[in-house]
Amino acid sequence: MEFEFRGKSEYGKWIEGDLICYKNGYYSINTGFSAYGYEASEIINRTKVDTKTIGQYIGLKDINYKKIYSGDIVRFFDLGVTKQIGYVDFRNGSFMIDTGLTTWYCWTDYDVEVIGNIHDNKNLLDFDVEEDK
């Protein structure tokens, strides 16, 4: 599985790559490695991100081949019948979808589509997201 993270920069741009945590409490995302070595990469290719927006790639893609990250809002059909909307979170050791009423832990058989994220599109959910970060 790829270990990749996403976070929103102070300029409002989403950055994807390796997560770096510094002793001072700042987090940044490194988008690639420089030909000059790791130390240069850490300076050149990093972007400071808001810690509340950091989400991990869950190793799956949606029906449009878009990577799914924790914090994404997704639409799927429960047992192929009822349209559900929820957000992806990591709880109890696994990724799950919280719909406000139900928690789905085994959902890889459903056609899931990313329609937004909890940081930019909370209005897509009809319930409040508990952010404990």
N, C-alpha and C. Protein backbone atom coordinates (compact mmCIF):
# COMPACT_ATOMS: atom_id res chain seq x y z
N MET A 1 0.84 -1.19 0.00
CA MET A 1 0.00 0.00 0.00
C MET A 1 0.88 1.24 0.00
N GLU A 2 0.47 2.23 -0.76
CA GLU A 2 1.16 3.52 -0.76
C GLU A 2 0.83 4.26 0.52
N PHE A 3 1.82 4.92 1.09
CA PHE A 3 1.58 5.80 2.22
C PHE A 3 1.72 7.22 1.71
N GLU A 4 0.59 7.86 1.53
CA GLU A 4 0.57 9.21 1.00
C GLU A 4 -0.42 10.02 1.81
N PHE A 5 -0.14 11.30 1.92
CA PHE A 5 -1.00 12.18 2.69
C PHE A 5 -1.38 13.38 1.85
N ARG A 6 -2.42 14.07 2.31
CA ARG A 6 -2.88 15.28 1.65
C ARG A 6 -3.15 16.30 2.75
N GLY A 7 -2.85 17.55 2.47
CA GLY A 7 -3.14 18.62 3.41
C GLY A 7 -3.29 19.93 2.66
N LYS A 8 -3.96 20.88 3.29
CA LYS A 8 -4.22 22.16 2.65
C LYS A 8 -3.18 23.18 3.11
N SER A 9 -2.55 23.83 2.13
CA SER A 9 -1.52 24.83 2.45
C SER A 9 -2.16 26.11 2.97
N GLU A 10 -1.34 26.98 3.51
CA GLU A 10 -1.85 28.26 4.00
C GLU A 10 -2.39 29.14 2.88
N TYR A 11 -2.12 28.76 1.64
CA TYR A 11 -2.62 29.51 0.48
C TYR A 11 -3.88 28.87 -0.10
N GLY A 12 -4.39 27.82 0.57
CA GLY A 12 -5.63 27.19 0.15
C GLY A 12 -5.48 26.11 -0.91
N LYS A 13 -4.26 25.73 -1.24
CA LYS A 13 -4.02 24.70 -2.26
C LYS A 13 -3.82 23.35 -1.57
N TRP A 14 -4.42 22.29 -2.14
CA TRP A 14 -4.24 20.94 -1.63
C TRP A 14 -2.92 20.39 -2.14
N ILE A 15 -2.12 19.81 -1.21
CA ILE A 15 -0.81 19.24 -1.52
C ILE A 15 -0.85 17.75 -1.18
N GLU A 16 -0.29 16.92 -2.05
CA GLU A 16 -0.22 15.47 -1.81
C GLU A 16 1.23 15.02 -1.80
N GLY A 17 1.58 14.12 -0.86
CA GLY A 17 2.93 13.59 -0.81
C GLY A 17 3.25 12.99 0.55
N ASP A 18 4.52 13.06 0.94
CA ASP A 18 4.98 12.50 2.20
C ASP A 18 4.77 13.52 3.33
N LEU A 19 4.29 13.04 4.46
CA LEU A 19 4.04 13.91 5.61
C LEU A 19 5.30 14.03 6.46
N ILE A 20 5.63 15.26 6.82
CA ILE A 20 6.77 15.53 7.69
C ILE A 20 6.26 16.28 8.92
N CYS A 21 6.63 15.80 10.11
CA CYS A 21 6.27 16.45 11.36
C CYS A 21 7.54 16.99 11.99
N TYR A 22 7.52 18.26 12.35
CA TYR A 22 8.69 18.90 12.95
C TYR A 22 8.51 19.03 14.46
N LYS A 23 9.63 19.15 15.16
CA LYS A 23 9.60 19.24 16.63
C LYS A 23 8.78 20.44 17.12
N ASN A 24 8.71 21.48 16.33
CA ASN A 24 7.98 22.68 16.73
C ASN A 24 6.46 22.56 16.54
N GLY A 25 6.01 21.39 16.06
CA GLY A 25 4.57 21.16 15.89
C GLY A 25 4.04 21.45 14.50
N TYR A 26 4.89 21.96 13.62
CA TYR A 26 4.46 22.22 12.25
C TYR A 26 4.47 20.93 11.45
N TYR A 27 3.58 20.87 10.47
CA TYR A 27 3.53 19.74 9.54
C TYR A 27 3.70 20.28 8.13
N SER A 28 4.39 19.51 7.31
CA SER A 28 4.49 19.88 5.90
C SER A 28 4.37 18.61 5.07
N ILE A 29 4.12 18.82 3.80
CA ILE A 29 4.04 17.72 2.84
C ILE A 29 5.18 17.90 1.86
N ASN A 30 5.94 16.83 1.67
CA ASN A 30 7.05 16.82 0.73
C ASN A 30 6.54 16.21 -0.57
N THR A 31 6.65 16.95 -1.65
CA THR A 31 6.08 16.51 -2.93
C THR A 31 7.05 15.77 -3.83
N GLY A 32 8.29 15.61 -3.41
CA GLY A 32 9.25 14.88 -4.24
C GLY A 32 10.65 15.05 -3.72
N PHE A 33 11.55 14.30 -4.28
CA PHE A 33 12.93 14.36 -3.82
C PHE A 33 13.81 15.07 -4.83
N SER A 34 14.69 15.87 -4.31
CA SER A 34 15.61 16.63 -5.13
C SER A 34 16.80 15.77 -5.54
N ALA A 35 17.42 16.12 -6.64
CA ALA A 35 18.64 15.44 -7.08
C ALA A 35 19.79 15.74 -6.14
N TYR A 36 19.62 16.69 -5.24
CA TYR A 36 20.68 17.10 -4.32
C TYR A 36 20.62 16.39 -2.98
N GLY A 37 19.72 15.42 -2.83
CA GLY A 37 19.66 14.64 -1.59
C GLY A 37 18.47 14.98 -0.73
N TYR A 38 18.31 14.20 0.35
CA TYR A 38 17.15 14.32 1.23
C TYR A 38 17.05 15.69 1.89
N GLU A 39 18.17 16.21 2.39
CA GLU A 39 18.14 17.50 3.08
C GLU A 39 17.65 18.61 2.16
N ALA A 40 18.13 18.60 0.93
CA ALA A 40 17.69 19.62 -0.04
C ALA A 40 16.21 19.42 -0.37
N SER A 41 15.77 18.18 -0.48
CA SER A 41 14.36 17.89 -0.78
C SER A 41 13.46 18.44 0.31
N GLU A 42 13.92 18.28 1.55
CA GLU A 42 13.12 18.73 2.68
C GLU A 42 12.94 20.25 2.66
N ILE A 43 13.87 20.95 2.09
CA ILE A 43 13.77 22.41 2.01
C ILE A 43 13.03 22.85 0.74
N ILE A 44 13.39 22.27 -0.39
CA ILE A 44 12.87 22.70 -1.70
C ILE A 44 11.43 22.26 -1.94
N ASN A 45 11.11 21.02 -1.64
CA ASN A 45 9.84 20.43 -2.06
C ASN A 45 8.80 20.30 -0.96
N ARG A 46 8.91 21.06 0.08
CA ARG A 46 7.95 20.93 1.17
C ARG A 46 7.02 22.14 1.23
N THR A 47 5.81 21.87 1.69
CA THR A 47 4.82 22.93 1.85
C THR A 47 4.17 22.75 3.22
N LYS A 48 4.16 23.80 4.01
CA LYS A 48 3.52 23.76 5.32
C LYS A 48 2.01 23.60 5.11
N VAL A 49 1.38 22.72 5.91
CA VAL A 49 -0.06 22.48 5.78
C VAL A 49 -0.75 22.63 7.14
N ASP A 50 -2.03 22.93 7.08
CA ASP A 50 -2.88 23.04 8.26
C ASP A 50 -3.10 21.64 8.82
N THR A 51 -2.74 21.41 10.07
CA THR A 51 -2.82 20.07 10.66
C THR A 51 -4.24 19.52 10.66
N LYS A 52 -5.25 20.37 10.75
CA LYS A 52 -6.64 19.90 10.78
C LYS A 52 -7.08 19.34 9.43
N THR A 53 -6.36 19.66 8.37
CA THR A 53 -6.77 19.22 7.03
C THR A 53 -6.02 17.97 6.56
N ILE A 54 -5.09 17.46 7.34
CA ILE A 54 -4.29 16.32 6.90
C ILE A 54 -5.14 15.06 6.84
N GLY A 55 -5.06 14.38 5.71
CA GLY A 55 -5.76 13.11 5.52
C GLY A 55 -4.85 12.11 4.85
N GLN A 56 -5.02 10.83 5.18
CA GLN A 56 -4.19 9.78 4.60
C GLN A 56 -4.91 9.11 3.44
N TYR A 57 -4.16 8.80 2.39
CA TYR A 57 -4.68 8.02 1.27
C TYR A 57 -5.00 6.63 1.79
N ILE A 58 -6.19 6.13 1.52
CA ILE A 58 -6.63 4.87 2.12
C ILE A 58 -6.28 3.65 1.27
N GLY A 59 -5.64 3.86 0.12
CA GLY A 59 -5.25 2.73 -0.72
C GLY A 59 -6.29 2.32 -1.73
N LEU A 60 -7.39 3.06 -1.82
CA LEU A 60 -8.47 2.76 -2.76
C LEU A 60 -8.77 3.98 -3.62
N LYS A 61 -9.34 3.72 -4.80
CA LYS A 61 -9.78 4.80 -5.68
C LYS A 61 -11.27 4.68 -5.89
N ASP A 62 -11.90 5.81 -6.20
CA ASP A 62 -13.35 5.80 -6.43
C ASP A 62 -13.68 5.34 -7.84
N ILE A 63 -14.95 5.42 -8.22
CA ILE A 63 -15.37 4.93 -9.54
C ILE A 63 -14.77 5.75 -10.69
N ASN A 64 -14.26 6.93 -10.38
CA ASN A 64 -13.61 7.78 -11.39
C ASN A 64 -12.09 7.69 -11.30
N TYR A 65 -11.57 6.70 -10.57
CA TYR A 65 -10.14 6.47 -10.37
C TYR A 65 -9.45 7.59 -9.60
N LYS A 66 -10.21 8.30 -8.79
CA LYS A 66 -9.67 9.35 -7.95
C LYS A 66 -9.28 8.74 -6.60
N LYS A 67 -8.10 9.08 -6.10
CA LYS A 67 -7.65 8.56 -4.81
C LYS A 67 -8.60 9.02 -3.71
N ILE A 68 -8.88 8.11 -2.77
CA ILE A 68 -9.75 8.42 -1.63
C ILE A 68 -8.87 8.66 -0.41
N TYR A 69 -9.09 9.80 0.25
CA TYR A 69 -8.35 10.17 1.45
C TYR A 69 -9.31 10.24 2.64
N SER A 70 -8.78 10.03 3.84
CA SER A 70 -9.61 10.27 5.02
C SER A 70 -9.99 11.75 4.99
N GLY A 71 -11.22 12.02 5.33
CA GLY A 71 -11.75 13.39 5.23
C GLY A 71 -12.55 13.63 3.97
N ASP A 72 -12.50 12.71 3.01
CA ASP A 72 -13.29 12.86 1.79
C ASP A 72 -14.76 12.57 2.07
N ILE A 73 -15.62 13.29 1.38
CA ILE A 73 -17.06 13.01 1.41
C ILE A 73 -17.36 12.17 0.18
N VAL A 74 -18.05 11.05 0.43
CA VAL A 74 -18.32 10.11 -0.66
C VAL A 74 -19.81 9.82 -0.77
N ARG A 75 -20.19 9.44 -1.99
CA ARG A 75 -21.56 9.00 -2.27
C ARG A 75 -21.47 7.54 -2.69
N PHE A 76 -22.37 6.71 -2.18
CA PHE A 76 -22.40 5.30 -2.57
C PHE A 76 -23.81 4.78 -2.39
N PHE A 77 -24.07 3.60 -2.95
CA PHE A 77 -25.39 3.00 -2.85
C PHE A 77 -25.33 1.80 -1.91
N ASP A 78 -26.09 1.88 -0.83
CA ASP A 78 -26.18 0.82 0.17
C ASP A 78 -26.90 -0.38 -0.45
N LEU A 79 -26.17 -1.49 -0.58
CA LEU A 79 -26.71 -2.71 -1.17
C LEU A 79 -27.29 -2.47 -2.57
N GLY A 80 -26.74 -1.45 -3.25
CA GLY A 80 -27.17 -1.15 -4.60
C GLY A 80 -28.52 -0.48 -4.70
N VAL A 81 -29.11 -0.08 -3.56
CA VAL A 81 -30.47 0.45 -3.57
C VAL A 81 -30.54 1.89 -3.09
N THR A 82 -30.14 2.14 -1.86
CA THR A 82 -30.31 3.44 -1.22
C THR A 82 -29.04 4.29 -1.34
N LYS A 83 -29.19 5.51 -1.85
CA LYS A 83 -28.05 6.41 -1.95
C LYS A 83 -27.65 6.89 -0.55
N GLN A 84 -26.38 6.77 -0.25
CA GLN A 84 -25.83 7.21 1.03
C GLN A 84 -24.75 8.25 0.77
N ILE A 85 -24.62 9.19 1.68
CA ILE A 85 -23.51 10.16 1.63
C ILE A 85 -22.89 10.17 3.02
N GLY A 86 -21.58 10.08 3.05
CA GLY A 86 -20.86 10.10 4.32
C GLY A 86 -19.43 10.55 4.10
N TYR A 87 -18.66 10.53 5.17
CA TYR A 87 -17.25 10.92 5.03
C TYR A 87 -16.35 9.79 5.50
N VAL A 88 -15.16 9.74 4.94
CA VAL A 88 -14.20 8.70 5.24
C VAL A 88 -13.39 9.13 6.47
N ASP A 89 -13.24 8.20 7.41
CA ASP A 89 -12.50 8.47 8.64
C ASP A 89 -11.72 7.21 9.02
N PHE A 90 -10.78 7.36 9.93
CA PHE A 90 -10.01 6.23 10.44
C PHE A 90 -10.38 6.04 11.91
N ARG A 91 -11.00 4.90 12.21
CA ARG A 91 -11.41 4.61 13.59
C ARG A 91 -11.23 3.13 13.88
N ASN A 92 -10.92 2.83 15.10
CA ASN A 92 -10.79 1.43 15.55
C ASN A 92 -9.89 0.61 14.63
N GLY A 93 -8.85 1.22 14.13
CA GLY A 93 -7.87 0.49 13.34
C GLY A 93 -8.19 0.29 11.88
N SER A 94 -9.24 0.95 11.36
CA SER A 94 -9.53 0.79 9.94
C SER A 94 -10.25 2.03 9.39
N PHE A 95 -10.21 2.14 8.07
CA PHE A 95 -10.93 3.22 7.42
C PHE A 95 -12.39 2.84 7.32
N MET A 96 -13.25 3.82 7.48
CA MET A 96 -14.69 3.57 7.45
C MET A 96 -15.40 4.77 6.87
N ILE A 97 -16.70 4.60 6.58
CA ILE A 97 -17.53 5.71 6.14
C ILE A 97 -18.58 5.97 7.22
N ASP A 98 -18.67 7.21 7.66
CA ASP A 98 -19.66 7.62 8.65
C ASP A 98 -20.75 8.39 7.92
N THR A 99 -21.99 7.90 7.97
CA THR A 99 -23.10 8.57 7.31
C THR A 99 -23.93 9.40 8.29
N GLY A 100 -23.49 9.48 9.53
CA GLY A 100 -24.26 10.19 10.54
C GLY A 100 -25.21 9.27 11.27
N LEU A 101 -25.69 8.25 10.61
CA LEU A 101 -26.58 7.26 11.21
C LEU A 101 -25.92 5.89 11.30
N THR A 102 -25.10 5.58 10.31
CA THR A 102 -24.48 4.26 10.21
C THR A 102 -23.00 4.41 9.97
N THR A 103 -22.23 3.47 10.48
CA THR A 103 -20.80 3.41 10.21
C THR A 103 -20.54 2.17 9.37
N TRP A 104 -19.94 2.37 8.20
CA TRP A 104 -19.65 1.27 7.27
C TRP A 104 -18.17 0.96 7.32
N TYR A 105 -17.83 -0.24 7.80
CA TYR A 105 -16.42 -0.65 7.84
C TYR A 105 -16.04 -1.48 6.61
N CYS A 106 -16.93 -2.27 6.10
CA CYS A 106 -16.66 -3.10 4.92
C CYS A 106 -17.43 -2.53 3.74
N TRP A 107 -16.82 -1.68 2.97
CA TRP A 107 -17.54 -1.00 1.91
C TRP A 107 -16.80 -1.03 0.58
N THR A 108 -15.82 -1.91 0.45
CA THR A 108 -15.05 -1.95 -0.80
C THR A 108 -15.85 -2.53 -1.96
N ASP A 109 -16.97 -3.19 -1.69
CA ASP A 109 -17.79 -3.74 -2.77
C ASP A 109 -18.77 -2.72 -3.35
N TYR A 110 -18.90 -1.56 -2.73
CA TYR A 110 -19.82 -0.55 -3.20
C TYR A 110 -19.13 0.38 -4.20
N ASP A 111 -19.91 0.92 -5.13
CA ASP A 111 -19.38 1.93 -6.05
C ASP A 111 -19.36 3.26 -5.32
N VAL A 112 -18.18 3.67 -4.92
CA VAL A 112 -17.99 4.88 -4.13
C VAL A 112 -17.49 6.00 -5.03
N GLU A 113 -18.05 7.20 -4.84
CA GLU A 113 -17.62 8.36 -5.62
C GLU A 113 -17.28 9.50 -4.66
N VAL A 114 -16.08 10.06 -4.81
CA VAL A 114 -15.67 11.22 -4.01
C VAL A 114 -16.40 12.43 -4.57
N ILE A 115 -17.13 13.15 -3.68
CA ILE A 115 -17.87 14.33 -4.13
C ILE A 115 -17.41 15.60 -3.43
N GLY A 116 -16.43 15.49 -2.54
CA GLY A 116 -15.91 16.65 -1.83
C GLY A 116 -15.10 16.21 -0.63
N ASN A 117 -14.88 17.14 0.30
CA ASN A 117 -14.18 16.81 1.54
C ASN A 117 -14.75 17.64 2.68
N ILE A 118 -14.49 17.21 3.90
CA ILE A 118 -15.10 17.85 5.08
C ILE A 118 -14.56 19.24 5.35
N HIS A 119 -13.49 19.63 4.70
CA HIS A 119 -12.89 20.95 4.94
C HIS A 119 -13.43 22.01 3.98
N ASP A 120 -13.75 21.60 2.77
CA ASP A 120 -14.24 22.54 1.76
C ASP A 120 -15.73 22.42 1.49
N ASN A 121 -16.32 21.26 1.83
CA ASN A 121 -17.69 20.99 1.40
C ASN A 121 -18.58 20.40 2.50
N LYS A 122 -18.45 20.89 3.73
CA LYS A 122 -19.27 20.35 4.82
C LYS A 122 -20.76 20.44 4.51
N ASN A 123 -21.14 21.36 3.65
CA ASN A 123 -22.55 21.54 3.30
C ASN A 123 -23.13 20.32 2.57
N LEU A 124 -22.28 19.42 2.09
CA LEU A 124 -22.76 18.20 1.43
C LEU A 124 -23.29 17.18 2.44
N LEU A 125 -22.94 17.35 3.70
CA LEU A 125 -23.40 16.45 4.76
C LEU A 125 -24.56 17.08 5.50
N ASP A 126 -25.53 16.28 5.91
CA ASP A 126 -26.65 16.82 6.69
C ASP A 126 -26.47 16.51 8.18
N PHE A 127 -25.23 16.33 8.61
CA PHE A 127 -24.92 16.12 10.03
C PHE A 127 -23.54 16.75 10.29
N ASP A 128 -23.22 16.97 11.56
CA ASP A 128 -21.96 17.57 11.94
C ASP A 128 -20.87 16.52 12.03
N VAL A 129 -19.70 16.87 11.57
CA VAL A 129 -18.53 15.99 11.63
C VAL A 129 -17.82 16.26 12.96
N GLU A 130 -17.52 15.18 13.68
CA GLU A 130 -16.78 15.31 14.94
C GLU A 130 -15.30 15.33 14.62
N GLU A 131 -14.70 16.50 14.72
CA GLU A 131 -13.28 16.61 14.45
C GLU A 131 -12.55 16.61 15.78
N ASP A 132 -11.86 15.50 16.03
CA ASP A 132 -11.13 15.37 17.30
C ASP A 132 -9.63 15.48 17.09
N LYS A 133 -9.23 16.21 16.07
CA LYS A 133 -7.80 16.35 15.77
C LYS A 133 -7.26 17.61 16.40
